[in-house]
PDB file of N, CA and C in Angstrom:
ATOM      1  N   MET A   1     -66.664  73.092 -76.954  1.00  0.00           N
ATOM      2  CA  MET A   1     -67.891  73.896 -77.230  1.00  0.00           C
ATOM      3  C   MET A   1     -68.047  74.757 -76.112  1.00  0.00           C
ATOM      4  N   ARG A   2     -68.443  76.148 -76.464  1.00  0.00           N
ATOM      5  CA  ARG A   2     -68.715  77.120 -75.555  1.00  0.00           C
ATOM      6  C   ARG A   2     -70.191  77.454 -75.788  1.00  0.00           C
ATOM      7  N   THR A   3     -70.899  77.655 -74.480  1.00  0.00           N
ATOM      8  CA  THR A   3     -72.516  77.822 -74.723  1.00  0.00           C
ATOM      9  C   THR A   3     -72.599  79.247 -73.915  1.00  0.00           C
ATOM     10  N   GLU A   4     -73.403  80.264 -74.606  1.00  0.00           N
ATOM     11  CA  GLU A   4     -73.648  81.357 -73.995  1.00  0.00           C
ATOM     12  C   GLU A   4     -75.085  81.835 -74.316  1.00  0.00           C
ATOM     13  N   LYS A   5     -75.495  82.566 -73.230  1.00  0.00           N
ATOM     14  CA  LYS A   5     -76.966  83.078 -73.154  1.00  0.00           C
ATOM     15  C   LYS A   5     -76.979  84.321 -74.242  1.00  0.00           C
ATOM     16  N   VAL A   6     -77.958  84.324 -74.976  1.00  0.00           N
ATOM     17  CA  VAL A   6     -78.131  85.380 -76.064  1.00  0.00           C
ATOM     18  C   VAL A   6     -79.488  85.979 -75.960  1.00  0.00           C
ATOM     19  N   SER A   7     -79.651  87.119 -76.477  1.00  0.00           N
ATOM     20  CA  SER A   7     -81.024  87.746 -76.613  1.00  0.00           C
ATOM     21  C   SER A   7     -81.062  88.761 -77.867  1.00  0.00           C
ATOM     22  N   PHE A   8     -82.191  88.799 -78.451  1.00  0.00           N
ATOM     23  CA  PHE A   8     -82.358  89.641 -79.486  1.00  0.00           C
ATOM     24  C   PHE A   8     -83.767  90.160 -79.499  1.00  0.00           C
ATOM     25  N   ILE A   9     -84.108  91.171 -80.275  1.00  0.00           N
ATOM     26  CA  ILE A   9     -85.395  91.802 -80.227  1.00  0.00           C
ATOM     27  C   ILE A   9     -86.100  91.486 -81.553  1.00  0.00           C
ATOM     28  N   SER A  10     -87.551  90.944 -81.370  1.00  0.00           N
ATOM     29  CA  SER A  10     -88.347  90.581 -82.396  1.00  0.00           C
ATOM     30  C   SER A  10     -89.709  91.216 -82.057  1.00  0.00           C
ATOM     31  N   SER A  11     -90.106  91.887 -82.991  1.00  0.00           N
ATOM     32  CA  SER A  11     -91.675  92.715 -82.954  1.00  0.00           C
ATOM     33  C   SER A  11     -91.568  93.411 -81.382  1.00  0.00           C
ATOM     34  N   GLY A  12     -90.585  93.992 -80.999  1.00  0.00           N
ATOM     35  CA  GLY A  12     -90.475  94.781 -79.956  1.00  0.00           C
ATOM     36  C   GLY A  12     -90.285  94.035 -78.617  1.00  0.00           C
ATOM     37  N   LYS A  13     -90.322  92.723 -78.617  1.00  0.00           N
ATOM     38  CA  LYS A  13     -90.020  91.757 -77.348  1.00  0.00           C
ATOM     39  C   LYS A  13     -88.635  91.334 -77.503  1.00  0.00           C
ATOM     40  N   ILE A  14     -88.032  91.073 -76.234  1.00  0.00           N
ATOM     41  CA  ILE A  14     -86.735  90.276 -76.186  1.00  0.00           C
ATOM     42  C   ILE A  14     -87.071  88.999 -75.994  1.00  0.00           C
ATOM     43  N   LEU A  15     -86.263  88.145 -77.006  1.00  0.00           N
ATOM     44  CA  LEU A  15     -86.460  86.799 -77.107  1.00  0.00           C
ATOM     45  C   LEU A  15     -85.178  86.275 -76.569  1.00  0.00           C
ATOM     46  N   ALA A  16     -85.192  85.273 -75.602  1.00  0.00           N
ATOM     47  CA  ALA A  16     -83.900  84.546 -75.029  1.00  0.00           C
ATOM     48  C   ALA A  16     -83.578  83.361 -75.884  1.00  0.00           C
ATOM     49  N   GLY A  17     -82.238  83.146 -75.857  1.00  0.00           N
ATOM     50  CA  GLY A  17     -81.566  82.052 -76.682  1.00  0.00           C
ATOM     51  C   GLY A  17     -80.505  81.500 -76.140  1.00  0.00           C
ATOM     52  N   LEU A  18     -79.994  80.635 -76.622  1.00  0.00           N
ATOM     53  CA  LEU A  18     -78.611  79.934 -76.181  1.00  0.00           C
ATOM     54  C   LEU A  18     -77.882  79.605 -77.458  1.00  0.00           C
ATOM     55  N   TYR A  19     -76.500  80.150 -77.462  1.00  0.00           N
ATOM     56  CA  TYR A  19     -75.854  79.944 -78.660  1.00  0.00           C
ATOM     57  C   TYR A  19     -74.794  78.871 -78.226  1.00  0.00           C
ATOM     58  N   HIS A  20     -74.569  77.735 -78.978  1.00  0.00           N
ATOM     59  CA  HIS A  20     -73.504  76.740 -78.807  1.00  0.00           C
ATOM     60  C   HIS A  20     -72.492  76.919 -79.939  1.00  0.00           C
ATOM     61  N   ASP A  21     -71.157  77.386 -79.488  1.00  0.00           N
ATOM     62  CA  ASP A  21     -70.207  77.822 -80.423  1.00  0.00           C
ATOM     63  C   ASP A  21     -69.405  76.553 -80.716  1.00  0.00           C
ATOM     64  N   ALA A  22     -69.460  76.038 -81.929  1.00  0.00           N
ATOM     65  CA  ALA A  22     -68.753  74.731 -82.144  1.00  0.00           C
ATOM     66  C   ALA A  22     -67.277  75.426 -82.787  1.00  0.00           C
ATOM     67  N   GLY A  23     -67.064  76.513 -82.975  1.00  0.00           N
ATOM     68  CA  GLY A  23     -65.853  77.031 -83.619  1.00  0.00           C
ATOM     69  C   GLY A  23     -66.052  77.024 -84.957  1.00  0.00           C
ATOM     70  N   ASN A  24     -67.156  77.001 -85.532  1.00  0.00           N
ATOM     71  CA  ASN A  24     -67.332  77.045 -86.983  1.00  0.00           C
ATOM     72  C   ASN A  24     -68.640  77.815 -87.472  1.00  0.00           C
ATOM     73  N   ALA A  25     -68.487  78.532 -88.701  1.00  0.00           N
ATOM     74  CA  ALA A  25     -69.422  79.454 -88.876  1.00  0.00           C
ATOM     75  C   ALA A  25     -70.830  78.796 -89.353  1.00  0.00           C
ATOM     76  N   ARG A  26     -70.768  77.405 -89.671  1.00  0.00           N
ATOM     77  CA  ARG A  26     -71.869  76.529 -90.195  1.00  0.00           C
ATOM     78  C   ARG A  26     -72.680  76.491 -88.863  1.00  0.00           C
ATOM     79  N   THR A  27     -74.045  77.301 -88.762  1.00  0.00           N
ATOM     80  CA  THR A  27     -74.846  77.269 -87.722  1.00  0.00           C
ATOM     81  C   THR A  27     -76.260  76.712 -88.148  1.00  0.00           C
ATOM     82  N   VAL A  28     -76.735  76.062 -87.223  1.00  0.00           N
ATOM     83  CA  VAL A  28     -78.109  75.485 -87.164  1.00  0.00           C
ATOM     84  C   VAL A  28     -79.058  76.460 -86.407  1.00  0.00           C
ATOM     85  N   ILE A  29     -80.229  76.743 -86.771  1.00  0.00           N
ATOM     86  CA  ILE A  29     -81.142  77.453 -85.793  1.00  0.00           C
ATOM     87  C   ILE A  29     -82.199  76.537 -85.621  1.00  0.00           C
ATOM     88  N   ILE A  30     -82.409  76.391 -84.363  1.00  0.00           N
ATOM     89  CA  ILE A  30     -83.609  75.547 -83.875  1.00  0.00           C
ATOM     90  C   ILE A  30     -84.650  76.611 -83.336  1.00  0.00           C
ATOM     91  N   SER A  31     -85.960  76.063 -83.881  1.00  0.00           N
ATOM     92  CA  SER A  31     -86.967  76.812 -83.794  1.00  0.00           C
ATOM     93  C   SER A  31     -88.040  75.944 -82.985  1.00  0.00           C
ATOM     94  N   HIS A  32     -88.190  75.869 -81.854  1.00  0.00           N
ATOM     95  CA  HIS A  32     -89.188  74.896 -81.269  1.00  0.00           C
ATOM     96  C   HIS A  32     -90.650  74.997 -81.809  1.00  0.00           C
ATOM     97  N   GLY A  33     -91.317  73.952 -81.465  1.00  0.00           N
ATOM     98  CA  GLY A  33     -92.776  73.890 -82.005  1.00  0.00           C
ATOM     99  C   GLY A  33     -93.688  74.544 -80.979  1.00  0.00           C
ATOM    100  N   PHE A  34     -94.967  74.525 -81.478  1.00  0.00           N
ATOM    101  CA  PHE A  34     -95.952  75.172 -80.680  1.00  0.00           C
ATOM    102  C   PHE A  34     -96.000  74.772 -79.252  1.00  0.00           C
ATOM    103  N   ALA A  35     -95.986  75.741 -78.161  1.00  0.00           N
ATOM    104  CA  ALA A  35     -96.018  75.453 -76.992  1.00  0.00           C
ATOM    105  C   ALA A  35     -94.648  74.773 -76.328  1.00  0.00           C
ATOM    106  N   GLY A  36     -93.808  74.774 -77.159  1.00  0.00           N
ATOM    107  CA  GLY A  36     -92.365  74.203 -76.821  1.00  0.00           C
ATOM    108  C   GLY A  36     -91.602  75.223 -75.905  1.00  0.00           C
ATOM    109  N   GLY A  37     -90.410  74.812 -76.080  1.00  0.00           N
ATOM    110  CA  GLY A  37     -89.284  75.768 -75.579  1.00  0.00           C
ATOM    111  C   GLY A  37     -87.883  75.315 -75.881  1.00  0.00           C
ATOM    112  N   LYS A  38     -87.059  76.150 -75.866  1.00  0.00           N
ATOM    113  CA  LYS A  38     -85.410  75.975 -76.181  1.00  0.00           C
ATOM    114  C   LYS A  38     -84.922  74.776 -75.278  1.00  0.00           C
ATOM    115  N   ASP A  39     -85.454  74.733 -74.056  1.00  0.00           N
ATOM    116  CA  ASP A  39     -84.670  73.867 -73.091  1.00  0.00           C
ATOM    117  C   ASP A  39     -85.304  72.498 -72.908  1.00  0.00           C
ATOM    118  N   SER A  40     -86.229  72.211 -73.788  1.00  0.00           N
ATOM    119  CA  SER A  40     -86.577  70.889 -73.756  1.00  0.00           C
ATOM    120  C   SER A  40     -85.522  69.885 -74.015  1.00  0.00           C
ATOM    121  N   ASP A  41     -85.732  68.622 -73.513  1.00  0.00           N
ATOM    122  CA  ASP A  41     -84.682  67.553 -73.735  1.00  0.00           C
ATOM    123  C   ASP A  41     -84.378  67.436 -75.220  1.00  0.00           C
ATOM    124  N   LYS A  42     -85.480  67.511 -75.921  1.00  0.00           N
ATOM    125  CA  LYS A  42     -85.279  66.971 -77.390  1.00  0.00           C
ATOM    126  C   LYS A  42     -84.091  68.014 -78.046  1.00  0.00           C
ATOM    127  N   TRP A  43     -84.369  69.265 -77.737  1.00  0.00           N
ATOM    128  CA  TRP A  43     -83.634  70.240 -78.299  1.00  0.00           C
ATOM    129  C   TRP A  43     -82.293  70.502 -77.670  1.00  0.00           C
ATOM    130  N   THR A  44     -82.120  70.053 -76.453  1.00  0.00           N
ATOM    131  CA  THR A  44     -80.866  70.038 -75.615  1.00  0.00           C
ATOM    132  C   THR A  44     -79.901  69.088 -76.308  1.00  0.00           C
ATOM    133  N   LEU A  45     -80.534  67.719 -76.481  1.00  0.00           N
ATOM    134  CA  LEU A  45     -79.826  66.596 -76.944  1.00  0.00           C
ATOM    135  C   LEU A  45     -79.363  67.055 -78.403  1.00  0.00           C
ATOM    136  N   THR A  46     -80.467  67.389 -79.158  1.00  0.00           N
ATOM    137  CA  THR A  46     -80.094  67.713 -80.631  1.00  0.00           C
ATOM    138  C   THR A  46     -79.009  68.788 -80.710  1.00  0.00           C
ATOM    139  N   SER A  47     -78.990  69.788 -79.860  1.00  0.00           N
ATOM    140  CA  SER A  47     -78.040  70.741 -80.084  1.00  0.00           C
ATOM    141  C   SER A  47     -76.443  69.922 -79.596  1.00  0.00           C
ATOM    142  N   LYS A  48     -76.543  69.151 -78.702  1.00  0.00           N
ATOM    143  CA  LYS A  48     -75.285  68.406 -78.323  1.00  0.00           C
ATOM    144  C   LYS A  48     -74.749  67.673 -79.486  1.00  0.00           C
ATOM    145  N   ALA A  49     -75.789  66.972 -80.176  1.00  0.00           N
ATOM    146  CA  ALA A  49     -75.187  66.155 -81.184  1.00  0.00           C
ATOM    147  C   ALA A  49     -74.705  66.941 -82.397  1.00  0.00           C
ATOM    148  N   LEU A  50     -75.361  68.137 -82.611  1.00  0.00           N
ATOM    149  CA  LEU A  50     -75.051  68.889 -83.915  1.00  0.00           C
ATOM    150  C   LEU A  50     -73.665  69.673 -83.583  1.00  0.00           C
ATOM    151  N   THR A  51     -73.587  70.043 -82.148  1.00  0.00           N
ATOM    152  CA  THR A  51     -71.952  70.635 -82.135  1.00  0.00           C
ATOM    153  C   THR A  51     -71.062  69.680 -82.099  1.00  0.00           C
ATOM    154  N   ALA A  52     -71.400  68.344 -81.727  1.00  0.00           N
ATOM    155  CA  ALA A  52     -70.217  67.187 -81.688  1.00  0.00           C
ATOM    156  C   ALA A  52     -70.017  66.930 -83.176  1.00  0.00           C
ATOM    157  N   ALA A  53     -70.968  67.053 -84.180  1.00  0.00           N
ATOM    158  CA  ALA A  53     -70.698  66.991 -85.461  1.00  0.00           C
ATOM    159  C   ALA A  53     -70.074  68.332 -86.189  1.00  0.00           C
ATOM    160  N   GLY A  54     -69.870  69.228 -85.405  1.00  0.00           N
ATOM    161  CA  GLY A  54     -69.012  70.518 -85.927  1.00  0.00           C
ATOM    162  C   GLY A  54     -69.963  71.724 -86.275  1.00  0.00           C
ATOM    163  N   TYR A  55     -71.186  71.561 -86.115  1.00  0.00           N
ATOM    164  CA  TYR A  55     -72.115  72.690 -86.250  1.00  0.00           C
ATOM    165  C   TYR A  55     -72.295  73.512 -84.902  1.00  0.00           C
ATOM    166  N   SER A  56     -72.434  74.904 -85.002  1.00  0.00           N
ATOM    167  CA  SER A  56     -72.762  75.731 -83.981  1.00  0.00           C
ATOM    168  C   SER A  56     -74.296  75.710 -84.166  1.00  0.00           C
ATOM    169  N   VAL A  57     -74.912  76.113 -82.895  1.00  0.00           N
ATOM    170  CA  VAL A  57     -76.334  75.973 -82.849  1.00  0.00           C
ATOM    171  C   VAL A  57     -76.913  77.177 -82.080  1.00  0.00           C
ATOM    172  N   LEU A  58     -77.892  77.798 -82.741  1.00  0.00           N
ATOM    173  CA  LEU A  58     -78.563  78.743 -81.867  1.00  0.00           C
ATOM    174  C   LEU A  58     -80.005  78.106 -81.544  1.00  0.00           C
ATOM    175  N   ARG A  59     -80.472  78.225 -80.263  1.00  0.00           N
ATOM    176  CA  ARG A  59     -81.933  77.778 -80.142  1.00  0.00           C
ATOM    177  C   ARG A  59     -82.440  78.880 -79.337  1.00  0.00           C
ATOM    178  N   PHE A  60     -83.809  79.135 -79.465  1.00  0.00           N
ATOM    179  CA  PHE A  60     -84.274  80.250 -78.674  1.00  0.00           C
ATOM    180  C   PHE A  60     -85.830  79.897 -78.441  1.00  0.00           C
ATOM    181  N   ASP A  61     -86.357  80.753 -77.536  1.00  0.00           N
ATOM    182  CA  ASP A  61     -87.733  80.690 -77.169  1.00  0.00           C
ATOM    183  C   ASP A  61     -88.465  81.774 -77.763  1.00  0.00           C
ATOM    184  N   HIS A  62     -89.606  81.353 -78.430  1.00  0.00           N
ATOM    185  CA  HIS A  62     -90.332  82.273 -79.155  1.00  0.00           C
ATOM    186  C   HIS A  62     -91.103  83.178 -78.073  1.00  0.00           C
ATOM    187  N   SER A  63     -91.766  84.362 -78.617  1.00  0.00           N
ATOM    188  CA  SER A  63     -92.364  85.251 -77.792  1.00  0.00           C
ATOM    189  C   SER A  63     -93.622  84.540 -76.963  1.00  0.00           C
ATOM    190  N   GLY A  64     -93.569  84.929 -75.689  1.00  0.00           N
ATOM    191  CA  GLY A  64     -94.331  84.160 -74.759  1.00  0.00           C
ATOM    192  C   GLY A  64     -93.992  82.705 -74.228  1.00  0.00           C
ATOM    193  N   CYS A  65     -92.986  82.355 -74.560  1.00  0.00           N
ATOM    194  CA  CYS A  65     -92.580  80.850 -74.279  1.00  0.00           C
ATOM    195  C   CYS A  65     -91.281  80.955 -73.468  1.00  0.00           C
ATOM    196  N   GLY A  66     -91.031  80.107 -72.553  1.00  0.00           N
ATOM    197  CA  GLY A  66     -89.746  80.004 -71.650  1.00  0.00           C
ATOM    198  C   GLY A  66     -89.387  81.280 -71.281  1.00  0.00           C
ATOM    199  N   GLU A  67     -88.160  81.911 -71.536  1.00  0.00           N
ATOM    200  CA  GLU A  67     -87.615  83.023 -70.958  1.00  0.00           C
ATOM    201  C   GLU A  67     -87.652  84.226 -71.682  1.00  0.00           C
ATOM    202  N   SER A  68     -88.530  84.129 -72.783  1.00  0.00           N
ATOM    203  CA  SER A  68     -88.829  85.394 -73.728  1.00  0.00           C
ATOM    204  C   SER A  68     -89.979  86.202 -73.299  1.00  0.00           C
ATOM    205  N   GLU A  69     -89.851  87.472 -73.682  1.00  0.00           N
ATOM    206  CA  GLU A  69     -90.815  88.395 -73.335  1.00  0.00           C
ATOM    207  C   GLU A  69     -92.241  88.127 -74.150  1.00  0.00           C
ATOM    208  N   GLY A  70     -93.268  88.485 -73.537  1.00  0.00           N
ATOM    209  CA  GLY A  70     -94.495  88.536 -74.415  1.00  0.00           C
ATOM    210  C   GLY A  70     -95.418  87.386 -73.815  1.00  0.00           C
ATOM    211  N   ALA A  71     -96.798  87.697 -74.242  1.00  0.00           N
ATOM    212  CA  ALA A  71     -97.790  86.647 -73.614  1.00  0.00           C
ATOM    213  C   ALA A  71     -97.893  85.583 -74.913  1.00  0.00           C
ATOM    214  N   PHE A  72     -98.003  84.379 -74.232  1.00  0.00           N
ATOM    215  CA  PHE A  72     -98.267  83.251 -75.137  1.00  0.00           C
ATOM    216  C   PHE A  72     -99.536  83.482 -75.949  1.00  0.00           C
ATOM    217  N   ASP A  73    -100.508  84.051 -75.514  1.00  0.00           N
ATOM    218  CA  ASP A  73    -101.702  84.247 -76.292  1.00  0.00           C
ATOM    219  C   ASP A  73    -101.584  85.025 -77.721  1.00  0.00           C
ATOM    220  N   ASP A  74    -100.304  85.846 -77.607  1.00  0.00           N
ATOM    221  CA  ASP A  74    -100.058  86.663 -78.845  1.00  0.00           C
ATOM    222  C   ASP A  74     -99.468  85.779 -80.032  1.00  0.00           C
ATOM    223  N   VAL A  75     -99.143  84.738 -79.559  1.00  0.00           N
ATOM    224  CA  VAL A  75     -98.384  83.775 -80.623  1.00  0.00           C
ATOM    225  C   VAL A  75     -99.565  83.341 -81.592  1.00  0.00           C
ATOM    226  N   THR A  76    -100.863  83.110 -81.117  1.00  0.00           N
ATOM    227  CA  THR A  76    -101.824  82.653 -82.087  1.00  0.00           C
ATOM    228  C   THR A  76    -102.442  83.611 -82.774  1.00  0.00           C
TER     229      THR A  76
END
């Protein structure tokens, strides 16, 4: 499994993510909960389990969370 940092733009802000490449086009997108983040233990372990099952995974920080641009106040 290969993991790479990725980024993309949403509403003019750069959002940070991680892509876990399991060598398969089947991909699960993980969107963390309110005030959470892509790097929580829950999503890290879930990503490992999904890639072990053959799924690629994209997990990312919403605007104003973790490594993504923006103010957390703008989320609400």
